[in-house]
Amino acid sequence: MNLNVMYGAIFIFSAIKWGDWKNWKSYYPTFLFLMVGDLVYQFLFYKHSMWEYVPVGSDKSWAKHTHIAFLIMLIKYPATISMFLGNMPKAAWKKLVFILFWTLLYTINEFTDLKLGVIVHKNGWNLGWSAFFNFVMFIVLDVHYKKPLLAWILSAIFATFLWNVFKIPQSILK
């Protein structure tokens, strides 16, 4: 079976079952924020990827990294946003547990992908960095839903932090 079709089906089914689609319009800006963040990464790091999707099995006949990244943006991200924001608890400690749950879910998904060989880490990136990134990402997504400008500022600070930690050379830019 096509792995990307299977992943897409899992996220679509999960979003139908647990997503909050009646409020999708209020979540739409946060979905776009997440998608734009990924598009910026794909553009800036084209020649210096921190990770790369690798087609396996029947995906090899049609997919490249770019195809897989777009499928993730168009299926996984809206599904995630509808479930994440649609079920966000109000109490601070419950919110933290919920964010940790989503961090764990995304990190387990990536761990599975690593074991299946459908993603490779590059240039010093590893699963620990992915877990940290996921944790920050879910915090910032929650912030974006309520305070978009603050989320953009936090994202710029975090991106600058990662750029410096990984000593990304300016030469990767055109």
N, C-alpha and C. Protein backbone atom coordinates (compact mmCIF):
# COMPACT_ATOMS: atom_id res chain seq x y z
N MET A 1 0.84 -1.19 0.00
CA MET A 1 0.00 0.00 0.00
C MET A 1 0.88 1.25 0.00
N ASN A 2 0.40 2.29 -0.59
CA ASN A 2 1.08 3.57 -0.64
C ASN A 2 1.09 4.18 0.76
N LEU A 3 2.29 4.40 1.32
CA LEU A 3 2.42 4.89 2.68
C LEU A 3 1.80 6.27 2.85
N ASN A 4 1.98 7.15 1.88
CA ASN A 4 1.42 8.49 1.99
C ASN A 4 -0.09 8.49 1.95
N VAL A 5 -0.67 7.59 1.16
CA VAL A 5 -2.13 7.45 1.14
C VAL A 5 -2.62 6.97 2.50
N MET A 6 -1.88 6.01 3.08
CA MET A 6 -2.25 5.49 4.40
C MET A 6 -2.19 6.60 5.46
N TYR A 7 -1.09 7.35 5.48
CA TYR A 7 -0.97 8.46 6.43
C TYR A 7 -2.10 9.47 6.23
N GLY A 8 -2.34 9.82 4.98
CA GLY A 8 -3.41 10.77 4.69
C GLY A 8 -4.75 10.28 5.19
N ALA A 9 -5.04 9.00 4.96
CA ALA A 9 -6.31 8.41 5.41
C ALA A 9 -6.42 8.44 6.93
N ILE A 10 -5.33 8.15 7.62
CA ILE A 10 -5.35 8.18 9.09
C ILE A 10 -5.66 9.58 9.59
N PHE A 11 -5.00 10.59 9.03
CA PHE A 11 -5.24 11.96 9.48
C PHE A 11 -6.63 12.45 9.10
N ILE A 12 -7.11 12.10 7.92
CA ILE A 12 -8.46 12.50 7.52
C ILE A 12 -9.50 11.85 8.44
N PHE A 13 -9.37 10.54 8.67
CA PHE A 13 -10.30 9.84 9.55
C PHE A 13 -10.26 10.44 10.96
N SER A 14 -9.06 10.67 11.47
CA SER A 14 -8.92 11.24 12.82
C SER A 14 -9.55 12.63 12.90
N ALA A 15 -9.35 13.44 11.86
CA ALA A 15 -9.92 14.78 11.85
C ALA A 15 -11.44 14.74 11.79
N ILE A 16 -11.98 13.80 11.02
CA ILE A 16 -13.44 13.66 10.95
C ILE A 16 -13.98 13.27 12.33
N LYS A 17 -13.30 12.33 12.97
CA LYS A 17 -13.76 11.82 14.26
C LYS A 17 -13.54 12.82 15.41
N TRP A 18 -12.36 13.45 15.48
CA TRP A 18 -12.02 14.28 16.64
C TRP A 18 -11.83 15.76 16.33
N GLY A 19 -11.89 16.14 15.07
CA GLY A 19 -11.69 17.55 14.72
C GLY A 19 -12.94 18.38 14.95
N ASP A 20 -12.73 19.66 15.12
CA ASP A 20 -13.83 20.61 15.31
C ASP A 20 -14.02 21.39 14.01
N TRP A 21 -14.80 20.84 13.10
CA TRP A 21 -14.96 21.44 11.78
C TRP A 21 -16.00 22.55 11.75
N LYS A 22 -16.86 22.61 12.77
CA LYS A 22 -17.85 23.69 12.74
C LYS A 22 -17.20 25.05 13.01
N ASN A 23 -16.00 25.03 13.57
CA ASN A 23 -15.27 26.28 13.83
C ASN A 23 -14.04 26.43 12.94
N TRP A 24 -14.03 25.76 11.80
CA TRP A 24 -12.85 25.75 10.94
C TRP A 24 -12.40 27.15 10.52
N LYS A 25 -13.36 28.06 10.34
CA LYS A 25 -12.99 29.41 9.90
C LYS A 25 -12.13 30.13 10.94
N SER A 26 -12.38 29.86 12.21
CA SER A 26 -11.56 30.52 13.24
C SER A 26 -10.17 29.88 13.34
N TYR A 27 -10.03 28.64 12.87
CA TYR A 27 -8.74 27.95 12.90
C TYR A 27 -7.92 28.20 11.64
N TYR A 28 -8.59 28.65 10.58
CA TYR A 28 -7.95 28.80 9.27
C TYR A 28 -6.68 29.66 9.31
N PRO A 29 -6.68 30.82 9.99
CA PRO A 29 -5.43 31.60 10.04
C PRO A 29 -4.27 30.83 10.67
N THR A 30 -4.56 30.01 11.68
CA THR A 30 -3.49 29.25 12.33
C THR A 30 -3.00 28.13 11.42
N PHE A 31 -3.90 27.53 10.65
CA PHE A 31 -3.47 26.55 9.64
C PHE A 31 -2.53 27.22 8.63
N LEU A 32 -2.91 28.40 8.15
CA LEU A 32 -2.07 29.11 7.19
C LEU A 32 -0.72 29.48 7.80
N PHE A 33 -0.72 29.88 9.06
CA PHE A 33 0.52 30.20 9.78
C PHE A 33 1.45 28.99 9.78
N LEU A 34 0.92 27.82 10.10
CA LEU A 34 1.71 26.59 10.11
C LEU A 34 2.23 26.26 8.71
N MET A 35 1.37 26.40 7.73
CA MET A 35 1.76 26.09 6.35
C MET A 35 2.83 27.07 5.84
N VAL A 36 2.65 28.34 6.13
CA VAL A 36 3.64 29.34 5.70
C VAL A 36 4.98 29.07 6.36
N GLY A 37 4.97 28.69 7.63
CA GLY A 37 6.21 28.35 8.32
C GLY A 37 6.95 27.22 7.61
N ASP A 38 6.21 26.19 7.22
CA ASP A 38 6.83 25.06 6.52
C ASP A 38 7.31 25.49 5.13
N LEU A 39 6.52 26.29 4.43
CA LEU A 39 6.93 26.76 3.11
C LEU A 39 8.21 27.60 3.19
N VAL A 40 8.30 28.45 4.20
CA VAL A 40 9.52 29.26 4.39
C VAL A 40 10.71 28.34 4.64
N TYR A 41 10.52 27.32 5.49
CA TYR A 41 11.60 26.36 5.73
C TYR A 41 12.01 25.69 4.42
N GLN A 42 11.02 25.19 3.65
CA GLN A 42 11.32 24.49 2.40
C GLN A 42 12.09 25.39 1.44
N PHE A 43 11.73 26.66 1.40
CA PHE A 43 12.37 27.61 0.50
C PHE A 43 13.79 27.96 0.97
N LEU A 44 13.92 28.37 2.22
CA LEU A 44 15.23 28.81 2.73
C LEU A 44 16.24 27.68 2.81
N PHE A 45 15.76 26.48 3.14
CA PHE A 45 16.68 25.37 3.39
C PHE A 45 16.73 24.37 2.23
N TYR A 46 16.38 24.83 1.06
CA TYR A 46 16.36 23.96 -0.12
C TYR A 46 17.72 23.27 -0.32
N LYS A 47 18.79 24.00 -0.12
CA LYS A 47 20.13 23.44 -0.34
C LYS A 47 20.83 23.04 0.97
N HIS A 48 20.10 23.09 2.08
CA HIS A 48 20.71 22.75 3.38
C HIS A 48 19.62 22.18 4.30
N SER A 49 18.95 21.14 3.85
CA SER A 49 17.83 20.56 4.61
C SER A 49 18.29 20.01 5.94
N MET A 50 17.43 20.14 6.92
CA MET A 50 17.67 19.52 8.23
C MET A 50 17.06 18.12 8.25
N TRP A 51 16.09 17.91 7.40
CA TRP A 51 15.49 16.59 7.21
C TRP A 51 14.98 16.51 5.79
N GLU A 52 14.79 15.29 5.33
CA GLU A 52 14.29 15.09 3.97
C GLU A 52 13.39 13.86 3.94
N TYR A 53 12.25 14.01 3.27
CA TYR A 53 11.34 12.88 3.08
C TYR A 53 11.84 12.02 1.94
N VAL A 54 11.78 10.71 2.14
CA VAL A 54 12.27 9.75 1.16
C VAL A 54 11.12 8.84 0.77
N PRO A 55 10.73 8.83 -0.50
CA PRO A 55 9.65 7.93 -0.91
C PRO A 55 10.10 6.47 -0.80
N VAL A 56 9.20 5.63 -0.33
CA VAL A 56 9.47 4.19 -0.23
C VAL A 56 8.33 3.43 -0.89
N GLY A 57 8.60 2.18 -1.23
CA GLY A 57 7.56 1.33 -1.82
C GLY A 57 6.97 1.94 -3.07
N SER A 58 5.65 1.88 -3.17
CA SER A 58 4.98 2.39 -4.37
C SER A 58 5.05 3.91 -4.48
N ASP A 59 5.42 4.59 -3.39
CA ASP A 59 5.59 6.05 -3.46
C ASP A 59 6.75 6.45 -4.37
N LYS A 60 7.72 5.55 -4.55
CA LYS A 60 8.88 5.85 -5.39
C LYS A 60 8.49 6.17 -6.83
N SER A 61 7.37 5.63 -7.27
CA SER A 61 6.96 5.80 -8.67
C SER A 61 6.45 7.21 -8.96
N TRP A 62 6.11 7.98 -7.95
CA TRP A 62 5.54 9.30 -8.21
C TRP A 62 6.03 10.40 -7.28
N ALA A 63 6.52 10.05 -6.10
CA ALA A 63 6.76 11.08 -5.08
C ALA A 63 8.22 11.48 -4.96
N LYS A 64 8.40 12.73 -4.67
CA LYS A 64 9.69 13.30 -4.28
C LYS A 64 9.45 14.00 -2.94
N HIS A 65 10.52 14.48 -2.33
CA HIS A 65 10.40 15.19 -1.06
C HIS A 65 9.33 16.28 -1.14
N THR A 66 9.35 17.06 -2.20
CA THR A 66 8.41 18.18 -2.35
C THR A 66 6.96 17.72 -2.36
N HIS A 67 6.67 16.62 -3.08
CA HIS A 67 5.30 16.09 -3.11
C HIS A 67 4.85 15.70 -1.71
N ILE A 68 5.72 15.00 -0.99
CA ILE A 68 5.37 14.53 0.35
C ILE A 68 5.17 15.73 1.28
N ALA A 69 6.05 16.72 1.19
CA ALA A 69 5.91 17.92 2.04
C ALA A 69 4.58 18.62 1.77
N PHE A 70 4.20 18.75 0.50
CA PHE A 70 2.91 19.39 0.18
C PHE A 70 1.73 18.58 0.69
N LEU A 71 1.80 17.26 0.58
CA LEU A 71 0.71 16.43 1.11
C LEU A 71 0.58 16.61 2.62
N ILE A 72 1.70 16.70 3.30
CA ILE A 72 1.67 16.94 4.75
C ILE A 72 1.01 18.28 5.04
N MET A 73 1.39 19.30 4.29
CA MET A 73 0.81 20.63 4.50
C MET A 73 -0.69 20.66 4.23
N LEU A 74 -1.12 19.94 3.20
CA LEU A 74 -2.53 20.01 2.78
C LEU A 74 -3.45 19.04 3.51
N ILE A 75 -2.91 17.98 4.10
CA ILE A 75 -3.75 17.00 4.79
C ILE A 75 -3.45 16.97 6.29
N LYS A 76 -2.21 16.73 6.64
CA LYS A 76 -1.86 16.58 8.06
C LYS A 76 -2.06 17.88 8.84
N TYR A 77 -1.65 19.00 8.28
CA TYR A 77 -1.74 20.26 9.02
C TYR A 77 -3.17 20.69 9.31
N PRO A 78 -4.08 20.72 8.32
CA PRO A 78 -5.46 21.11 8.68
C PRO A 78 -6.10 20.12 9.65
N ALA A 79 -5.81 18.83 9.46
CA ALA A 79 -6.36 17.83 10.38
C ALA A 79 -5.83 18.07 11.79
N THR A 80 -4.54 18.31 11.90
CA THR A 80 -3.93 18.57 13.21
C THR A 80 -4.54 19.81 13.86
N ILE A 81 -4.63 20.90 13.11
CA ILE A 81 -5.14 22.15 13.66
C ILE A 81 -6.58 21.97 14.14
N SER A 82 -7.42 21.28 13.37
CA SER A 82 -8.82 21.10 13.78
C SER A 82 -8.94 20.27 15.05
N MET A 83 -8.06 19.28 15.21
CA MET A 83 -8.09 18.46 16.42
C MET A 83 -7.40 19.16 17.59
N PHE A 84 -6.28 19.81 17.32
CA PHE A 84 -5.50 20.45 18.38
C PHE A 84 -6.24 21.65 18.96
N LEU A 85 -6.60 22.61 18.12
CA LEU A 85 -7.29 23.79 18.63
C LEU A 85 -8.73 23.47 19.05
N GLY A 86 -9.35 22.54 18.34
CA GLY A 86 -10.75 22.21 18.64
C GLY A 86 -10.95 21.48 19.95
N ASN A 87 -9.89 20.94 20.51
CA ASN A 87 -10.00 20.19 21.77
C ASN A 87 -9.10 20.75 22.87
N MET A 88 -8.56 21.95 22.65
CA MET A 88 -7.64 22.54 23.62
C MET A 88 -8.35 22.82 24.95
N PRO A 89 -7.84 22.25 26.04
CA PRO A 89 -8.44 22.51 27.35
C PRO A 89 -8.22 23.96 27.79
N LYS A 90 -9.00 24.40 28.74
CA LYS A 90 -8.89 25.77 29.25
C LYS A 90 -7.87 25.88 30.39
N ALA A 91 -7.87 24.91 31.30
CA ALA A 91 -6.97 24.96 32.47
C ALA A 91 -5.51 24.85 32.02
N ALA A 92 -4.64 25.65 32.64
CA ALA A 92 -3.23 25.72 32.23
C ALA A 92 -2.54 24.36 32.31
N TRP A 93 -2.72 23.62 33.38
CA TRP A 93 -2.03 22.33 33.52
C TRP A 93 -2.56 21.32 32.51
N LYS A 94 -3.86 21.37 32.23
CA LYS A 94 -4.43 20.46 31.22
C LYS A 94 -3.93 20.84 29.83
N LYS A 95 -3.78 22.14 29.61
CA LYS A 95 -3.25 22.63 28.33
C LYS A 95 -1.83 22.12 28.12
N LEU A 96 -1.01 22.18 29.18
CA LEU A 96 0.36 21.68 29.09
C LEU A 96 0.38 20.18 28.78
N VAL A 97 -0.46 19.42 29.45
CA VAL A 97 -0.54 17.97 29.20
C VAL A 97 -0.97 17.72 27.76
N PHE A 98 -1.93 18.51 27.26
CA PHE A 98 -2.42 18.37 25.89
C PHE A 98 -1.31 18.68 24.88
N ILE A 99 -0.55 19.74 25.14
CA ILE A 99 0.57 20.08 24.27
C ILE A 99 1.63 18.99 24.30
N LEU A 100 1.90 18.44 25.47
CA LEU A 100 2.84 17.32 25.58
C LEU A 100 2.33 16.09 24.83
N PHE A 101 1.02 15.85 24.88
CA PHE A 101 0.43 14.73 24.13
C PHE A 101 0.68 14.90 22.64
N TRP A 102 0.42 16.09 22.11
CA TRP A 102 0.62 16.33 20.68
C TRP A 102 2.10 16.29 20.31
N THR A 103 2.95 16.78 21.20
CA THR A 103 4.40 16.69 20.98
C THR A 103 4.81 15.23 20.87
N LEU A 104 4.33 14.42 21.78
CA LEU A 104 4.64 12.99 21.77
C LEU A 104 4.09 12.32 20.51
N LEU A 105 2.87 12.66 20.13
CA LEU A 105 2.25 12.08 18.94
C LEU A 105 3.08 12.38 17.69
N TYR A 106 3.45 13.63 17.50
CA TYR A 106 4.24 14.01 16.33
C TYR A 106 5.64 13.38 16.38
N THR A 107 6.21 13.30 17.57
CA THR A 107 7.55 12.72 17.71
C THR A 107 7.53 11.22 17.45
N ILE A 108 6.50 10.53 17.93
CA ILE A 108 6.35 9.10 17.64
C ILE A 108 6.14 8.88 16.14
N ASN A 109 5.37 9.75 15.51
CA ASN A 109 5.17 9.68 14.06
C ASN A 109 6.51 9.79 13.33
N GLU A 110 7.34 10.73 13.76
CA GLU A 110 8.64 10.90 13.12
C GLU A 110 9.58 9.73 13.43
N PHE A 111 9.55 9.23 14.66
CA PHE A 111 10.35 8.05 15.02
C PHE A 111 9.99 6.88 14.11
N THR A 112 8.69 6.67 13.91
CA THR A 112 8.21 5.60 13.02
C THR A 112 8.72 5.84 11.60
N ASP A 113 8.64 7.08 11.14
CA ASP A 113 9.13 7.42 9.80
C ASP A 113 10.63 7.15 9.67
N LEU A 114 11.38 7.46 10.71
CA LEU A 114 12.82 7.17 10.70
C LEU A 114 13.07 5.68 10.57
N LYS A 115 12.34 4.89 11.34
CA LYS A 115 12.51 3.43 11.31
C LYS A 115 12.10 2.85 9.96
N LEU A 116 11.08 3.45 9.33
CA LEU A 116 10.63 2.99 8.01
C LEU A 116 11.50 3.53 6.88
N GLY A 117 12.38 4.47 7.19
CA GLY A 117 13.26 5.04 6.18
C GLY A 117 12.59 6.08 5.30
N VAL A 118 11.47 6.65 5.76
CA VAL A 118 10.77 7.64 4.93
C VAL A 118 11.17 9.08 5.27
N ILE A 119 12.04 9.22 6.26
CA ILE A 119 12.61 10.53 6.56
C ILE A 119 14.05 10.30 7.00
N VAL A 120 14.92 11.21 6.62
CA VAL A 120 16.30 11.17 7.08
C VAL A 120 16.63 12.54 7.68
N HIS A 121 17.40 12.51 8.75
CA HIS A 121 17.87 13.75 9.36
C HIS A 121 19.23 14.10 8.77
N LYS A 122 19.46 15.40 8.68
CA LYS A 122 20.70 15.89 8.08
C LYS A 122 21.24 17.07 8.88
N ASN A 123 22.50 17.37 8.66
CA ASN A 123 23.13 18.59 9.16
C ASN A 123 22.96 18.79 10.67
N GLY A 124 23.04 17.69 11.43
CA GLY A 124 23.00 17.78 12.88
C GLY A 124 21.62 17.65 13.51
N TRP A 125 20.59 17.61 12.69
CA TRP A 125 19.23 17.45 13.21
C TRP A 125 19.06 16.02 13.71
N ASN A 126 18.24 15.83 14.75
CA ASN A 126 17.96 14.49 15.24
C ASN A 126 16.58 14.46 15.89
N LEU A 127 16.17 13.31 16.37
CA LEU A 127 14.83 13.16 16.94
C LEU A 127 14.64 14.03 18.18
N GLY A 128 15.69 14.22 18.95
CA GLY A 128 15.61 15.11 20.11
C GLY A 128 15.26 16.53 19.71
N TRP A 129 15.91 17.01 18.65
CA TRP A 129 15.60 18.35 18.15
C TRP A 129 14.17 18.40 17.61
N SER A 130 13.74 17.33 16.98
CA SER A 130 12.36 17.29 16.48
C SER A 130 11.36 17.36 17.62
N ALA A 131 11.62 16.63 18.71
CA ALA A 131 10.73 16.66 19.87
C ALA A 131 10.67 18.08 20.45
N PHE A 132 11.83 18.72 20.59
CA PHE A 132 11.88 20.09 21.09
C PHE A 132 11.13 21.03 20.14
N PHE A 133 11.39 20.89 18.85
CA PHE A 133 10.70 21.70 17.85
C PHE A 133 9.19 21.51 17.95
N ASN A 134 8.74 20.26 18.04
CA ASN A 134 7.31 19.97 18.13
C ASN A 134 6.69 20.64 19.36
N PHE A 135 7.38 20.57 20.49
CA PHE A 135 6.88 21.19 21.72
C PHE A 135 6.70 22.70 21.52
N VAL A 136 7.73 23.34 21.00
CA VAL A 136 7.65 24.79 20.75
C VAL A 136 6.57 25.09 19.72
N MET A 137 6.50 24.28 18.66
CA MET A 137 5.51 24.50 17.61
C MET A 137 4.09 24.49 18.17
N PHE A 138 3.78 23.50 19.00
CA PHE A 138 2.41 23.41 19.52
C PHE A 138 2.11 24.55 20.50
N ILE A 139 3.09 25.00 21.24
CA ILE A 139 2.88 26.17 22.09
C ILE A 139 2.58 27.39 21.22
N VAL A 140 3.39 27.58 20.18
CA VAL A 140 3.24 28.75 19.31
C VAL A 140 1.92 28.68 18.53
N LEU A 141 1.49 27.49 18.14
CA LEU A 141 0.19 27.37 17.46
C LEU A 141 -0.94 27.82 18.37
N ASP A 142 -0.88 27.45 19.63
CA ASP A 142 -1.89 27.89 20.59
C ASP A 142 -1.84 29.40 20.77
N VAL A 143 -0.63 29.94 20.86
CA VAL A 143 -0.47 31.40 20.98
C VAL A 143 -1.03 32.08 19.73
N HIS A 144 -0.71 31.54 18.56
CA HIS A 144 -1.17 32.16 17.31
C HIS A 144 -2.68 32.27 17.25
N TYR A 145 -3.37 31.26 17.73
CA TYR A 145 -4.83 31.25 17.68
C TYR A 145 -5.41 32.46 18.42
N LYS A 146 -4.74 32.89 19.49
CA LYS A 146 -5.24 34.00 20.31
C LYS A 146 -4.52 35.32 20.02
N LYS A 147 -3.21 35.23 19.76
CA LYS A 147 -2.38 36.43 19.58
C LYS A 147 -1.42 36.22 18.42
N PRO A 148 -1.92 36.38 17.19
CA PRO A 148 -1.10 36.07 16.01
C PRO A 148 0.22 36.84 15.93
N LEU A 149 0.21 38.11 16.24
CA LEU A 149 1.44 38.90 16.14
C LEU A 149 2.51 38.36 17.10
N LEU A 150 2.11 38.03 18.31
CA LEU A 150 3.05 37.46 19.27
C LEU A 150 3.63 36.14 18.75
N ALA A 151 2.79 35.34 18.12
CA ALA A 151 3.27 34.06 17.57
C ALA A 151 4.30 34.28 16.47
N TRP A 152 4.10 35.28 15.62
CA TRP A 152 5.08 35.58 14.58
C TRP A 152 6.41 36.01 15.21
N ILE A 153 6.34 36.82 16.26
CA ILE A 153 7.56 37.27 16.94
C ILE A 153 8.27 36.08 17.58
N LEU A 154 7.52 35.24 18.29
CA LEU A 154 8.12 34.05 18.92
C LEU A 154 8.74 33.13 17.88
N SER A 155 8.07 32.99 16.73
CA SER A 155 8.60 32.14 15.66
C SER A 155 9.90 32.68 15.11
N ALA A 156 9.97 33.99 14.93
CA ALA A 156 11.20 34.60 14.42
C ALA A 156 12.34 34.40 15.42
N ILE A 157 12.05 34.55 16.70
CA ILE A 157 13.07 34.34 17.73
C ILE A 157 13.54 32.89 17.72
N PHE A 158 12.59 31.95 17.65
CA PHE A 158 12.93 30.53 17.67
C PHE A 158 13.71 30.14 16.41
N ALA A 159 13.30 30.67 15.26
CA ALA A 159 14.01 30.38 14.01
C ALA A 159 15.45 30.91 14.07
N THR A 160 15.62 32.10 14.62
CA THR A 160 16.95 32.68 14.77
C THR A 160 17.80 31.82 15.72
N PHE A 161 17.19 31.36 16.80
CA PHE A 161 17.87 30.47 17.75
C PHE A 161 18.36 29.21 17.03
N LEU A 162 17.48 28.56 16.28
CA LEU A 162 17.86 27.33 15.56
C LEU A 162 18.93 27.62 14.52
N TRP A 163 18.79 28.72 13.79
CA TRP A 163 19.77 29.10 12.77
C TRP A 163 21.16 29.20 13.39
N ASN A 164 21.24 29.83 14.57
CA ASN A 164 22.53 30.01 15.25
C ASN A 164 23.05 28.72 15.88
N VAL A 165 22.18 27.94 16.49
CA VAL A 165 22.60 26.68 17.11
C VAL A 165 23.19 25.75 16.07
N PHE A 166 22.55 25.69 14.91
CA PHE A 166 23.01 24.79 13.85
C PHE A 166 24.03 25.44 12.92
N LYS A 167 24.41 26.67 13.24
CA LYS A 167 25.44 27.38 12.47
C LYS A 167 25.16 27.29 10.96
N ILE A 168 23.95 27.66 10.60
CA ILE A 168 23.54 27.61 9.20
C ILE A 168 24.34 28.67 8.43
N PRO A 169 25.05 28.27 7.40
CA PRO A 169 25.85 29.24 6.65
C PRO A 169 24.97 30.17 5.81
N GLN A 170 25.33 31.43 5.80
CA GLN A 170 24.61 32.41 4.98
C GLN A 170 24.69 32.06 3.49
N SER A 171 25.68 31.27 3.13
CA SER A 171 25.88 30.92 1.72
C SER A 171 24.75 30.06 1.15
N ILE A 172 23.88 29.52 2.01
CA ILE A 172 22.77 28.72 1.47
C ILE A 172 21.71 29.60 0.83
N LEU A 173 21.75 30.90 1.15
CA LEU A 173 20.76 31.83 0.60
C LEU A 173 21.20 32.29 -0.79
N LYS A 174 20.23 32.54 -1.64
CA LYS A 174 20.55 33.03 -2.99
C LYS A 174 20.92 34.49 -2.93
